[in-house]
Amino acid sequence: MLDRSDLPRAALDYIDFLEQELEASADLISSGPRREETVVSGGGPLEKWLGERLAAVQAAVGE
C-alpha cells in the first residue's frame, strides 16, 4: 500500500480538487493494478469497514 504523500504533487492536487468539488473524501485511491499501488486513507469509513482485513493485506505487503 502506498501512503498518500507518496503520490506526485499533480495527483494530490487533483484529488484535493475532486474532494472539494464532490464534497466527499477519497478514502481509496488506486494508482495501478496491484494492491500495493493503493492508498487507503487512515481513519476513513473504508478503513473502519475493512478492519482486520486491511491489516492482513498491509502485513502481507510488508507494512
C-alpha atoms as a PDB file:
ATOM      1  CA  MET A   1       0.000   0.000   0.000  1.00  0.00           C
ATOM      2  CA  LEU A   2       1.099   3.488  -0.679  1.00  0.00           C
ATOM      3  CA  ASP A   3       0.929   6.470   1.566  1.00  0.00           C
ATOM      4  CA  ARG A   4      -0.978   9.407   0.147  1.00  0.00           C
ATOM      5  CA  SER A   5       2.174  11.514   0.440  1.00  0.00           C
ATOM      6  CA  ASP A   6       3.930   9.117  -1.993  1.00  0.00           C
ATOM      7  CA  LEU A   7       1.730  10.354  -4.835  1.00  0.00           C
ATOM      8  CA  PRO A   8       3.004  13.033  -7.226  1.00  0.00           C
ATOM      9  CA  ARG A   9       2.059  16.635  -6.429  1.00  0.00           C
ATOM     10  CA  ALA A  10      -0.201  16.840  -9.511  1.00  0.00           C
ATOM     11  CA  ALA A  11      -2.136  13.751  -8.363  1.00  0.00           C
ATOM     12  CA  LEU A  12      -2.547  15.176  -4.867  1.00  0.00           C
ATOM     13  CA  ASP A  13      -3.804  18.482  -6.285  1.00  0.00           C
ATOM     14  CA  TYR A  14      -6.323  16.625  -8.468  1.00  0.00           C
ATOM     15  CA  ILE A  15      -7.545  14.511  -5.550  1.00  0.00           C
ATOM     16  CA  ASP A  16      -7.930  17.651  -3.417  1.00  0.00           C
ATOM     17  CA  PHE A  17      -9.905  19.283  -6.252  1.00  0.00           C
ATOM     18  CA  LEU A  18     -12.216  16.278  -6.570  1.00  0.00           C
ATOM     19  CA  GLU A  19     -12.791  16.099  -2.817  1.00  0.00           C
ATOM     20  CA  GLN A  20     -13.739  19.786  -2.704  1.00  0.00           C
ATOM     21  CA  GLU A  21     -15.979  19.656  -5.780  1.00  0.00           C
ATOM     22  CA  LEU A  22     -17.750  16.454  -4.739  1.00  0.00           C
ATOM     23  CA  GLU A  23     -17.798  17.306  -1.026  1.00  0.00           C
ATOM     24  CA  ALA A  24     -16.627  13.767  -0.299  1.00  0.00           C
ATOM     25  CA  SER A  25     -13.385  12.223   0.848  1.00  0.00           C
ATOM     26  CA  ALA A  26     -11.285   9.992  -1.374  1.00  0.00           C
ATOM     27  CA  ASP A  27     -10.680   7.107   1.022  1.00  0.00           C
ATOM     28  CA  LEU A  28      -9.499   4.619  -1.604  1.00  0.00           C
ATOM     29  CA  ILE A  29      -7.117   5.735  -4.333  1.00  0.00           C
ATOM     30  CA  SER A  30      -5.692   3.315  -6.857  1.00  0.00           C
ATOM     31  CA  SER A  31      -2.560   4.305  -8.729  1.00  0.00           C
ATOM     32  CA  GLY A  32      -2.104   0.992 -10.548  1.00  0.00           C
ATOM     33  CA  PRO A  33      -3.462  -2.536 -10.958  1.00  0.00           C
ATOM     34  CA  ARG A  34      -1.677  -4.143  -7.989  1.00  0.00           C
ATOM     35  CA  ARG A  35      -2.901  -3.905  -4.414  1.00  0.00           C
ATOM     36  CA  GLU A  36       0.470  -2.428  -3.464  1.00  0.00           C
ATOM     37  CA  GLU A  37      -0.480   0.574  -5.623  1.00  0.00           C
ATOM     38  CA  THR A  38      -3.459   1.516  -3.498  1.00  0.00           C
ATOM     39  CA  VAL A  39      -3.880   4.235  -0.896  1.00  0.00           C
ATOM     40  CA  VAL A  40      -6.412   3.744   1.899  1.00  0.00           C
ATOM     41  CA  SER A  41      -6.908   6.934   3.870  1.00  0.00           C
ATOM     42  CA  GLY A  42      -6.398   6.417   7.577  1.00  0.00           C
ATOM     43  CA  GLY A  43      -9.408   6.787   9.812  1.00  0.00           C
ATOM     44  CA  GLY A  44     -11.893   6.914   6.942  1.00  0.00           C
ATOM     45  CA  PRO A  45     -15.034   4.812   6.689  1.00  0.00           C
ATOM     46  CA  LEU A  46     -13.377   2.317   4.353  1.00  0.00           C
ATOM     47  CA  GLU A  47     -10.601   1.595   6.829  1.00  0.00           C
ATOM     48  CA  LYS A  48     -13.172   1.115   9.583  1.00  0.00           C
ATOM     49  CA  TRP A  49     -15.251  -1.199   7.383  1.00  0.00           C
ATOM     50  CA  LEU A  50     -12.271  -3.305   6.277  1.00  0.00           C
ATOM     51  CA  GLY A  51     -10.895  -3.572   9.809  1.00  0.00           C
ATOM     52  CA  GLU A  52      -8.757  -6.680  10.257  1.00  0.00           C
ATOM     53  CA  ARG A  53      -8.861  -7.485   6.537  1.00  0.00           C
ATOM     54  CA  LEU A  54      -6.959  -4.273   5.787  1.00  0.00           C
ATOM     55  CA  ALA A  55      -4.401  -5.086   8.477  1.00  0.00           C
ATOM     56  CA  ALA A  56      -3.917  -8.544   6.925  1.00  0.00           C
ATOM     57  CA  VAL A  57      -3.274  -7.052   3.479  1.00  0.00           C
ATOM     58  CA  GLN A  58      -0.869  -4.481   4.921  1.00  0.00           C
ATOM     59  CA  ALA A  59       1.014  -7.252   6.722  1.00  0.00           C
ATOM     60  CA  ALA A  60       1.189  -9.303   3.521  1.00  0.00           C
ATOM     61  CA  VAL A  61       2.830  -6.437   1.614  1.00  0.00           C
ATOM     62  CA  GLY A  62       5.202  -5.646   4.450  1.00  0.00           C
ATOM     63  CA  GLU A  63       3.743  -2.539   6.063  1.00  0.00           C
END
